[in-house]
PDB file of all heavy atoms in Angstrom:
ATOM      1  N   VAL A   1     -42.265  56.610 -21.191  1.00  0.00           N
ATOM      2  CA  VAL A   1     -40.843  56.382 -21.275  1.00  0.00           C
ATOM      3  C   VAL A   1     -40.529  54.972 -21.803  1.00  0.00           C
ATOM      4  O   VAL A   1     -39.295  54.690 -22.002  1.00  0.00           O
ATOM      5  CB  VAL A   1     -40.144  56.589 -19.951  1.00  0.00           C
ATOM      6  CG1 VAL A   1     -40.468  57.909 -19.324  1.00  0.00           C
ATOM      7  CG2 VAL A   1     -40.481  55.482 -18.927  1.00  0.00           C
ATOM      8  N   LYS A   2     -41.510  54.125 -21.990  1.00  0.00           N
ATOM      9  CA  LYS A   2     -41.231  52.792 -22.455  1.00  0.00           C
ATOM     10  C   LYS A   2     -40.605  52.774 -23.787  1.00  0.00           C
ATOM     11  O   LYS A   2     -40.929  53.488 -24.745  1.00  0.00           O
ATOM     12  CB  LYS A   2     -42.615  52.136 -22.531  1.00  0.00           C
ATOM     13  CG  LYS A   2     -42.620  50.578 -22.345  1.00  0.00           C
ATOM     14  CD  LYS A   2     -44.058  50.020 -22.283  1.00  0.00           C
ATOM     15  CE  LYS A   2     -44.714  50.429 -20.993  1.00  0.00           C
ATOM     16  NZ  LYS A   2     -46.060  49.763 -20.876  1.00  0.00           N
ATOM     17  N   GLY A   3     -39.507  51.946 -23.880  1.00  0.00           N
ATOM     18  CA  GLY A   3     -38.735  51.910 -25.123  1.00  0.00           C
ATOM     19  C   GLY A   3     -37.608  52.911 -25.203  1.00  0.00           C
ATOM     20  O   GLY A   3     -36.800  52.783 -26.078  1.00  0.00           O
ATOM     21  N   ARG A   4     -37.601  53.947 -24.293  1.00  0.00           N
ATOM     22  CA  ARG A   4     -36.574  54.904 -24.339  1.00  0.00           C
ATOM     23  C   ARG A   4     -35.725  54.895 -23.057  1.00  0.00           C
ATOM     24  O   ARG A   4     -34.532  55.087 -23.059  1.00  0.00           O
ATOM     25  CB  ARG A   4     -37.122  56.297 -24.452  1.00  0.00           C
ATOM     26  CG  ARG A   4     -37.989  56.548 -25.678  1.00  0.00           C
ATOM     27  CD  ARG A   4     -38.419  57.965 -25.896  1.00  0.00           C
ATOM     28  NE  ARG A   4     -39.260  58.367 -24.757  1.00  0.00           N
ATOM     29  CZ  ARG A   4     -38.997  59.440 -23.910  1.00  0.00           C
ATOM     30  NH1 ARG A   4     -37.879  60.106 -24.019  1.00  0.00           N
ATOM     31  NH2 ARG A   4     -39.849  59.752 -22.951  1.00  0.00           N
ATOM     32  N   PHE A   5     -36.348  54.480 -21.931  1.00  0.00           N
ATOM     33  CA  PHE A   5     -35.620  54.474 -20.601  1.00  0.00           C
ATOM     34  C   PHE A   5     -35.415  52.978 -20.173  1.00  0.00           C
ATOM     35  O   PHE A   5     -36.274  52.168 -20.469  1.00  0.00           O
ATOM     36  CB  PHE A   5     -36.433  55.142 -19.582  1.00  0.00           C
ATOM     37  CG  PHE A   5     -36.469  56.648 -19.723  1.00  0.00           C
ATOM     38  CD1 PHE A   5     -36.144  57.360 -20.813  1.00  0.00           C
ATOM     39  CD2 PHE A   5     -37.006  57.449 -18.605  1.00  0.00           C
ATOM     40  CE1 PHE A   5     -36.160  58.704 -20.962  1.00  0.00           C
ATOM     41  CE2 PHE A   5     -37.130  58.896 -18.741  1.00  0.00           C
ATOM     42  CZ  PHE A   5     -36.654  59.460 -19.863  1.00  0.00           C
ATOM     43  N   THR A   6     -34.292  52.745 -19.571  1.00  0.00           N
ATOM     44  CA  THR A   6     -34.057  51.436 -18.944  1.00  0.00           C
ATOM     45  C   THR A   6     -33.641  51.602 -17.508  1.00  0.00           C
ATOM     46  O   THR A   6     -32.632  52.213 -17.196  1.00  0.00           O
ATOM     47  CB  THR A   6     -32.917  50.720 -19.771  1.00  0.00           C
ATOM     48  OG1 THR A   6     -33.315  50.689 -21.109  1.00  0.00           O
ATOM     49  CG2 THR A   6     -32.714  49.309 -19.247  1.00  0.00           C
ATOM     50  N   ILE A   7     -34.347  50.862 -16.650  1.00  0.00           N
ATOM     51  CA  ILE A   7     -33.976  50.837 -15.199  1.00  0.00           C
ATOM     52  C   ILE A   7     -33.207  49.632 -14.920  1.00  0.00           C
ATOM     53  O   ILE A   7     -33.460  48.475 -15.462  1.00  0.00           O
ATOM     54  CB  ILE A   7     -35.256  50.937 -14.312  1.00  0.00           C
ATOM     55  CG1 ILE A   7     -34.896  51.201 -12.858  1.00  0.00           C
ATOM     56  CG2 ILE A   7     -36.153  49.760 -14.551  1.00  0.00           C
ATOM     57  CD1 ILE A   7     -36.095  51.430 -11.956  1.00  0.00           C
ATOM     58  N   SER A   8     -32.211  49.762 -14.048  1.00  0.00           N
ATOM     59  CA  SER A   8     -31.381  48.554 -13.686  1.00  0.00           C
ATOM     60  C   SER A   8     -30.835  48.884 -12.281  1.00  0.00           C
ATOM     61  O   SER A   8     -30.909  49.931 -11.746  1.00  0.00           O
ATOM     62  CB  SER A   8     -30.248  48.332 -14.644  1.00  0.00           C
ATOM     63  OG  SER A   8     -29.350  49.408 -14.694  1.00  0.00           O
ATOM     64  N   ARG A   9     -30.274  47.724 -11.690  1.00  0.00           N
ATOM     65  CA  ARG A   9     -29.702  47.881 -10.301  1.00  0.00           C
ATOM     66  C   ARG A   9     -28.482  46.984 -10.101  1.00  0.00           C
ATOM     67  O   ARG A   9     -28.398  45.965 -10.823  1.00  0.00           O
ATOM     68  CB  ARG A   9     -30.793  47.555  -9.296  1.00  0.00           C
ATOM     69  CG  ARG A   9     -31.239  46.137  -9.313  1.00  0.00           C
ATOM     70  CD  ARG A   9     -32.487  45.948  -8.376  1.00  0.00           C
ATOM     71  NE  ARG A   9     -32.177  46.219  -6.975  1.00  0.00           N
ATOM     72  CZ  ARG A   9     -33.052  46.471  -6.067  1.00  0.00           C
ATOM     73  NH1 ARG A   9     -34.369  46.559  -6.348  1.00  0.00           N
ATOM     74  NH2 ARG A   9     -32.667  46.709  -4.819  1.00  0.00           N
ATOM     75  N   ASP A  10     -27.660  47.467  -9.305  1.00  0.00           N
ATOM     76  CA  ASP A  10     -26.487  46.590  -8.955  1.00  0.00           C
ATOM     77  C   ASP A  10     -26.487  46.396  -7.428  1.00  0.00           C
ATOM     78  O   ASP A  10     -26.161  47.317  -6.646  1.00  0.00           O
ATOM     79  CB  ASP A  10     -25.191  47.224  -9.401  1.00  0.00           C
ATOM     80  CG  ASP A  10     -23.950  46.399  -9.158  1.00  0.00           C
ATOM     81  OD1 ASP A  10     -23.988  45.512  -8.266  1.00  0.00           O
ATOM     82  OD2 ASP A  10     -22.993  46.678  -9.840  1.00  0.00           O
ATOM     83  N   ASN A  11     -26.983  45.274  -6.962  1.00  0.00           N
ATOM     84  CA  ASN A  11     -27.175  45.121  -5.518  1.00  0.00           C
ATOM     85  C   ASN A  11     -25.811  45.039  -4.816  1.00  0.00           C
ATOM     86  O   ASN A  11     -25.750  45.366  -3.547  1.00  0.00           O
ATOM     87  CB  ASN A  11     -27.985  43.836  -5.259  1.00  0.00           C
ATOM     88  CG  ASN A  11     -29.446  44.050  -5.625  1.00  0.00           C
ATOM     89  OD1 ASN A  11     -29.930  45.141  -5.705  1.00  0.00           O
ATOM     90  ND2 ASN A  11     -30.213  42.977  -5.703  1.00  0.00           N
ATOM     91  N   ALA A  12     -24.783  44.600  -5.443  1.00  0.00           N
ATOM     92  CA  ALA A  12     -23.465  44.553  -4.876  1.00  0.00           C
ATOM     93  C   ALA A  12     -22.933  45.959  -4.529  1.00  0.00           C
ATOM     94  O   ALA A  12     -22.129  46.186  -3.596  1.00  0.00           O
ATOM     95  CB  ALA A  12     -22.478  43.822  -5.754  1.00  0.00           C
ATOM     96  N   LYS A  13     -23.379  46.964  -5.308  1.00  0.00           N
ATOM     97  CA  LYS A  13     -22.959  48.271  -5.161  1.00  0.00           C
ATOM     98  C   LYS A  13     -24.034  49.221  -4.490  1.00  0.00           C
ATOM     99  O   LYS A  13     -23.822  50.362  -4.271  1.00  0.00           O
ATOM    100  CB  LYS A  13     -22.572  48.897  -6.519  1.00  0.00           C
ATOM    101  CG  LYS A  13     -21.361  48.284  -7.160  1.00  0.00           C
ATOM    102  CD  LYS A  13     -20.973  48.948  -8.477  1.00  0.00           C
ATOM    103  CE  LYS A  13     -19.803  48.282  -9.122  1.00  0.00           C
ATOM    104  NZ  LYS A  13     -19.485  48.927 -10.372  1.00  0.00           N
ATOM    105  N   ASN A  14     -25.147  48.598  -4.146  1.00  0.00           N
ATOM    106  CA  ASN A  14     -26.250  49.387  -3.587  1.00  0.00           C
ATOM    107  C   ASN A  14     -26.655  50.582  -4.401  1.00  0.00           C
ATOM    108  O   ASN A  14     -26.808  51.671  -3.954  1.00  0.00           O
ATOM    109  CB  ASN A  14     -25.843  49.903  -2.143  1.00  0.00           C
ATOM    110  CG  ASN A  14     -26.174  48.853  -1.116  1.00  0.00           C
ATOM    111  OD1 ASN A  14     -26.461  47.706  -1.371  1.00  0.00           O
ATOM    112  ND2 ASN A  14     -26.249  49.307   0.188  1.00  0.00           N
ATOM    113  N   THR A  15     -26.673  50.377  -5.691  1.00  0.00           N
ATOM    114  CA  THR A  15     -26.860  51.468  -6.637  1.00  0.00           C
ATOM    115  C   THR A  15     -27.995  51.107  -7.713  1.00  0.00           C
ATOM    116  O   THR A  15     -28.088  49.993  -8.206  1.00  0.00           O
ATOM    117  CB  THR A  15     -25.615  51.808  -7.391  1.00  0.00           C
ATOM    118  OG1 THR A  15     -24.603  52.107  -6.446  1.00  0.00           O
ATOM    119  CG2 THR A  15     -25.819  53.003  -8.286  1.00  0.00           C
ATOM    120  N   LEU A  16     -28.868  52.109  -7.909  1.00  0.00           N
ATOM    121  CA  LEU A  16     -29.963  51.990  -8.902  1.00  0.00           C
ATOM    122  C   LEU A  16     -29.547  52.926 -10.063  1.00  0.00           C
ATOM    123  O   LEU A  16     -28.940  53.986  -9.860  1.00  0.00           O
ATOM    124  CB  LEU A  16     -31.222  52.450  -8.259  1.00  0.00           C
ATOM    125  CG  LEU A  16     -32.465  52.556  -9.132  1.00  0.00           C
ATOM    126  CD1 LEU A  16     -32.971  51.208  -9.469  1.00  0.00           C
ATOM    127  CD2 LEU A  16     -33.530  53.416  -8.429  1.00  0.00           C
ATOM    128  N   TYR A  17     -29.966  52.579 -11.268  1.00  0.00           N
ATOM    129  CA  TYR A  17     -29.679  53.321 -12.423  1.00  0.00           C
ATOM    130  C   TYR A  17     -30.888  53.598 -13.294  1.00  0.00           C
ATOM    131  O   TYR A  17     -31.885  52.823 -13.189  1.00  0.00           O
ATOM    132  CB  TYR A  17     -28.687  52.619 -13.336  1.00  0.00           C
ATOM    133  CG  TYR A  17     -27.421  52.216 -12.663  1.00  0.00           C
ATOM    134  CD1 TYR A  17     -27.110  50.952 -12.225  1.00  0.00           C
ATOM    135  CD2 TYR A  17     -26.338  53.162 -12.457  1.00  0.00           C
ATOM    136  CE1 TYR A  17     -25.959  50.583 -11.578  1.00  0.00           C
ATOM    137  CE2 TYR A  17     -25.201  52.878 -11.876  1.00  0.00           C
ATOM    138  CZ  TYR A  17     -25.010  51.558 -11.296  1.00  0.00           C
ATOM    139  OH  TYR A  17     -23.809  51.347 -10.706  1.00  0.00           O
ATOM    140  N   LEU A  18     -30.832  54.645 -14.055  1.00  0.00           N
ATOM    141  CA  LEU A  18     -31.906  54.907 -15.094  1.00  0.00           C
ATOM    142  C   LEU A  18     -31.155  55.473 -16.298  1.00  0.00           C
ATOM    143  O   LEU A  18     -30.721  56.551 -16.297  1.00  0.00           O
ATOM    144  CB  LEU A  18     -32.940  55.979 -14.535  1.00  0.00           C
ATOM    145  CG  LEU A  18     -34.092  56.202 -15.593  1.00  0.00           C
ATOM    146  CD1 LEU A  18     -34.971  54.936 -15.576  1.00  0.00           C
ATOM    147  CD2 LEU A  18     -34.973  57.368 -15.036  1.00  0.00           C
ATOM    148  N   GLN A  19     -31.073  54.621 -17.325  1.00  0.00           N
ATOM    149  CA  GLN A  19     -30.553  55.014 -18.542  1.00  0.00           C
ATOM    150  C   GLN A  19     -31.666  55.664 -19.392  1.00  0.00           C
ATOM    151  O   GLN A  19     -32.631  54.987 -19.709  1.00  0.00           O
ATOM    152  CB  GLN A  19     -29.946  53.783 -19.364  1.00  0.00           C
ATOM    153  CG  GLN A  19     -29.368  54.171 -20.719  1.00  0.00           C
ATOM    154  CD  GLN A  19     -28.156  55.069 -20.635  1.00  0.00           C
ATOM    155  OE1 GLN A  19     -27.291  54.855 -19.816  1.00  0.00           O
ATOM    156  NE2 GLN A  19     -28.042  56.071 -21.484  1.00  0.00           N
ATOM    157  N   MET A  20     -31.477  56.895 -19.752  1.00  0.00           N
ATOM    158  CA  MET A  20     -32.496  57.670 -20.590  1.00  0.00           C
ATOM    159  C   MET A  20     -32.001  57.980 -21.967  1.00  0.00           C
ATOM    160  O   MET A  20     -30.931  58.730 -22.058  1.00  0.00           O
ATOM    161  CB  MET A  20     -32.862  58.942 -19.774  1.00  0.00           C
ATOM    162  CG  MET A  20     -33.277  58.687 -18.351  1.00  0.00           C
ATOM    163  SD  MET A  20     -33.789  60.155 -17.504  1.00  0.00           S
ATOM    164  CE  MET A  20     -32.324  61.130 -17.469  1.00  0.00           C
ATOM    165  N   ASN A  21     -32.564  57.421 -22.954  1.00  0.00           N
ATOM    166  CA  ASN A  21     -32.173  57.708 -24.339  1.00  0.00           C
ATOM    167  C   ASN A  21     -33.294  58.349 -25.123  1.00  0.00           C
ATOM    168  O   ASN A  21     -34.454  58.472 -24.596  1.00  0.00           O
ATOM    169  CB  ASN A  21     -31.825  56.340 -25.005  1.00  0.00           C
ATOM    170  CG  ASN A  21     -30.687  55.557 -24.342  1.00  0.00           C
ATOM    171  OD1 ASN A  21     -29.836  56.186 -23.898  1.00  0.00           O
ATOM    172  ND2 ASN A  21     -30.794  54.270 -24.466  1.00  0.00           N
ATOM    173  N   SER A  22     -32.959  58.960 -26.232  1.00  0.00           N
ATOM    174  CA  SER A  22     -33.937  59.634 -27.063  1.00  0.00           C
ATOM    175  C   SER A  22     -34.825  60.657 -26.209  1.00  0.00           C
ATOM    176  O   SER A  22     -35.956  60.699 -26.294  1.00  0.00           O
ATOM    177  CB  SER A  22     -34.890  58.654 -27.768  1.00  0.00           C
ATOM    178  OG  SER A  22     -34.179  57.728 -28.532  1.00  0.00           O
ATOM    179  N   LEU A  23     -34.052  61.401 -25.412  1.00  0.00           N
ATOM    180  CA  LEU A  23     -34.698  62.322 -24.589  1.00  0.00           C
ATOM    181  C   LEU A  23     -35.534  63.361 -25.311  1.00  0.00           C
ATOM    182  O   LEU A  23     -35.064  63.846 -26.401  1.00  0.00           O
ATOM    183  CB  LEU A  23     -33.709  63.026 -23.620  1.00  0.00           C
ATOM    184  CG  LEU A  23     -33.282  62.101 -22.459  1.00  0.00           C
ATOM    185  CD1 LEU A  23     -31.935  62.616 -21.856  1.00  0.00           C
ATOM    186  CD2 LEU A  23     -34.313  62.081 -21.418  1.00  0.00           C
ATOM    187  N   LYS A  24     -36.675  63.836 -24.725  1.00  0.00           N
ATOM    188  CA  LYS A  24     -37.503  64.808 -25.254  1.00  0.00           C
ATOM    189  C   LYS A  24     -37.607  66.009 -24.360  1.00  0.00           C
ATOM    190  O   LYS A  24     -37.488  65.875 -23.117  1.00  0.00           O
ATOM    191  CB  LYS A  24     -38.914  64.219 -25.509  1.00  0.00           C
ATOM    192  CG  LYS A  24     -38.901  62.900 -26.397  1.00  0.00           C
ATOM    193  CD  LYS A  24     -40.318  62.343 -26.369  1.00  0.00           C
ATOM    194  CE  LYS A  24     -40.340  61.088 -27.218  1.00  0.00           C
ATOM    195  NZ  LYS A  24     -41.726  60.539 -27.264  1.00  0.00           N
ATOM    196  N   PRO A  25     -37.999  67.115 -24.854  1.00  0.00           N
ATOM    197  CA  PRO A  25     -38.170  68.334 -23.915  1.00  0.00           C
ATOM    198  C   PRO A  25     -39.106  67.999 -22.850  1.00  0.00           C
ATOM    199  O   PRO A  25     -38.996  68.515 -21.658  1.00  0.00           O
ATOM    200  CB  PRO A  25     -38.636  69.445 -24.857  1.00  0.00           C
ATOM    201  CG  PRO A  25     -38.012  69.082 -26.168  1.00  0.00           C
ATOM    202  CD  PRO A  25     -38.007  67.563 -26.270  1.00  0.00           C
ATOM    203  N   GLU A  26     -40.153  67.260 -23.113  1.00  0.00           N
ATOM    204  CA  GLU A  26     -41.168  66.881 -22.104  1.00  0.00           C
ATOM    205  C   GLU A  26     -40.635  65.972 -20.977  1.00  0.00           C
ATOM    206  O   GLU A  26     -41.386  65.647 -20.012  1.00  0.00           O
ATOM    207  CB  GLU A  26     -42.389  66.266 -22.769  1.00  0.00           C
ATOM    208  CG  GLU A  26     -42.188  65.146 -23.717  1.00  0.00           C
ATOM    209  CD  GLU A  26     -42.144  65.569 -25.120  1.00  0.00           C
ATOM    210  OE1 GLU A  26     -41.494  66.642 -25.410  1.00  0.00           O
ATOM    211  OE2 GLU A  26     -42.719  64.886 -25.954  1.00  0.00           O
ATOM    212  N   ASP A  27     -39.418  65.447 -21.157  1.00  0.00           N
ATOM    213  CA  ASP A  27     -38.798  64.718 -20.125  1.00  0.00           C
ATOM    214  C   ASP A  27     -38.110  65.575 -19.013  1.00  0.00           C
ATOM    215  O   ASP A  27     -37.658  65.141 -18.020  1.00  0.00           O
ATOM    216  CB  ASP A  27     -37.707  63.715 -20.698  1.00  0.00           C
ATOM    217  CG  ASP A  27     -38.264  62.623 -21.551  1.00  0.00           C
ATOM    218  OD1 ASP A  27     -39.320  62.071 -21.173  1.00  0.00           O
ATOM    219  OD2 ASP A  27     -37.713  62.358 -22.589  1.00  0.00           O
ATOM    220  N   THR A  28     -38.089  66.911 -19.338  1.00  0.00           N
ATOM    221  CA  THR A  28     -37.584  67.866 -18.357  1.00  0.00           C
ATOM    222  C   THR A  28     -38.233  67.812 -16.977  1.00  0.00           C
ATOM    223  O   THR A  28     -39.464  67.950 -16.991  1.00  0.00           O
ATOM    224  CB  THR A  28     -37.580  69.243 -18.946  1.00  0.00           C
ATOM    225  OG1 THR A  28     -36.798  69.375 -20.085  1.00  0.00           O
ATOM    226  CG2 THR A  28     -37.131  70.312 -17.876  1.00  0.00           C
ATOM    227  N   ALA A  29     -37.552  67.567 -15.927  1.00  0.00           N
ATOM    228  CA  ALA A  29     -38.205  67.428 -14.632  1.00  0.00           C
ATOM    229  C   ALA A  29     -37.065  67.214 -13.568  1.00  0.00           C
ATOM    230  O   ALA A  29     -35.887  66.992 -13.885  1.00  0.00           O
ATOM    231  CB  ALA A  29     -39.076  66.216 -14.643  1.00  0.00           C
ATOM    232  N   VAL A  30     -37.431  67.245 -12.349  1.00  0.00           N
ATOM    233  CA  VAL A  30     -36.567  66.756 -11.332  1.00  0.00           C
ATOM    234  C   VAL A  30     -36.943  65.244 -11.063  1.00  0.00           C
ATOM    235  O   VAL A  30     -38.068  64.981 -10.936  1.00  0.00           O
ATOM    236  CB  VAL A  30     -36.817  67.538  -9.949  1.00  0.00           C
ATOM    237  CG1 VAL A  30     -35.961  66.932  -8.812  1.00  0.00           C
ATOM    238  CG2 VAL A  30     -36.480  69.043 -10.099  1.00  0.00           C
ATOM    239  N   TYR A  31     -35.843  64.479 -11.140  1.00  0.00           N
ATOM    240  CA  TYR A  31     -36.063  62.991 -11.052  1.00  0.00           C
ATOM    241  C   TYR A  31     -35.662  62.578  -9.624  1.00  0.00           C
ATOM    242  O   TYR A  31     -34.595  62.915  -9.118  1.00  0.00           O
ATOM    243  CB  TYR A  31     -35.180  62.319 -12.013  1.00  0.00           C
ATOM    244  CG  TYR A  31     -35.723  62.397 -13.483  1.00  0.00           C
ATOM    245  CD1 TYR A  31     -35.749  63.621 -14.138  1.00  0.00           C
ATOM    246  CD2 TYR A  31     -36.234  61.269 -14.056  1.00  0.00           C
ATOM    247  CE1 TYR A  31     -36.286  63.675 -15.429  1.00  0.00           C
ATOM    248  CE2 TYR A  31     -36.861  61.323 -15.284  1.00  0.00           C
ATOM    249  CZ  TYR A  31     -36.863  62.542 -16.000  1.00  0.00           C
ATOM    250  OH  TYR A  31     -37.439  62.537 -17.220  1.00  0.00           O
ATOM    251  N   TYR A  32     -36.593  61.801  -9.033  1.00  0.00           N
ATOM    252  CA  TYR A  32     -36.393  61.296  -7.661  1.00  0.00           C
ATOM    253  C   TYR A  32     -36.221  59.834  -7.603  1.00  0.00           C
ATOM    254  O   TYR A  32     -37.059  59.097  -8.236  1.00  0.00           O
ATOM    255  CB  TYR A  32     -37.617  61.719  -6.789  1.00  0.00           C
ATOM    256  CG  TYR A  32     -37.798  63.144  -6.624  1.00  0.00           C
ATOM    257  CD1 TYR A  32     -38.623  63.946  -7.577  1.00  0.00           C
ATOM    258  CD2 TYR A  32     -37.193  63.940  -5.617  1.00  0.00           C
ATOM    259  CE1 TYR A  32     -38.818  65.199  -7.365  1.00  0.00           C
ATOM    260  CE2 TYR A  32     -37.419  65.307  -5.441  1.00  0.00           C
ATOM    261  CZ  TYR A  32     -38.218  65.931  -6.374  1.00  0.00           C
ATOM    262  OH  TYR A  32     -38.424  67.268  -6.219  1.00  0.00           O
ATOM    263  N   CYS A  33     -35.230  59.414  -6.895  1.00  0.00           N
ATOM    264  CA  CYS A  33     -35.042  57.983  -6.571  1.00  0.00           C
ATOM    265  C   CYS A  33     -36.044  57.633  -5.492  1.00  0.00           C
ATOM    266  O   CYS A  33     -36.280  58.459  -4.508  1.00  0.00           O
ATOM    267  CB  CYS A  33     -33.657  57.727  -6.167  1.00  0.00           C
ATOM    268  SG  CYS A  33     -33.196  56.066  -5.690  1.00  0.00           S
ATOM    269  N   ALA A  34     -36.644  56.394  -5.427  1.00  0.00           N
ATOM    270  CA  ALA A  34     -37.611  56.071  -4.407  1.00  0.00           C
ATOM    271  C   ALA A  34     -37.427  54.604  -4.089  1.00  0.00           C
ATOM    272  O   ALA A  34     -36.983  53.733  -4.847  1.00  0.00           O
ATOM    273  CB  ALA A  34     -39.036  56.306  -4.914  1.00  0.00           C
ATOM    274  N   THR A  35     -37.853  54.242  -2.769  1.00  0.00           N
ATOM    275  CA  THR A  35     -37.726  52.890  -2.391  1.00  0.00           C
ATOM    276  C   THR A  35     -38.928  52.576  -1.509  1.00  0.00           C
ATOM    277  O   THR A  35     -39.623  53.456  -0.890  1.00  0.00           O
ATOM    278  CB  THR A  35     -36.422  52.670  -1.586  1.00  0.00           C
ATOM    279  OG1 THR A  35     -36.292  51.298  -1.267  1.00  0.00           O
ATOM    280  CG2 THR A  35     -36.413  53.433  -0.276  1.00  0.00           C
ATOM    281  N   ARG A  36     -39.217  51.323  -1.422  1.00  0.00           N
ATOM    282  CA  ARG A  36     -40.243  50.791  -0.577  1.00  0.00           C
ATOM    283  C   ARG A  36     -39.555  49.655   0.222  1.00  0.00           C
ATOM    284  O   ARG A  36     -38.821  48.821  -0.225  1.00  0.00           O
ATOM    285  CB  ARG A  36     -41.382  50.181  -1.385  1.00  0.00           C
ATOM    286  CG  ARG A  36     -42.526  49.750  -0.466  1.00  0.00           C
ATOM    287  CD  ARG A  36     -43.635  49.280  -1.312  1.00  0.00           C
ATOM    288  NE  ARG A  36     -44.822  48.878  -0.536  1.00  0.00           N
ATOM    289  CZ  ARG A  36     -45.836  48.210  -1.008  1.00  0.00           C
ATOM    290  NH1 ARG A  36     -45.962  47.986  -2.289  1.00  0.00           N
ATOM    291  NH2 ARG A  36     -46.888  47.889  -0.215  1.00  0.00           N
TER     292      ARG A  36
END
């Protein structure tokens, strides 16, 4: 996904983002948010 996806976060809003561009059929999946 390098070069196509961008991860970012807004700590003031407690929100994580994933901007996905130039999507391909092989990107089809269930996407899960995760934390440690």
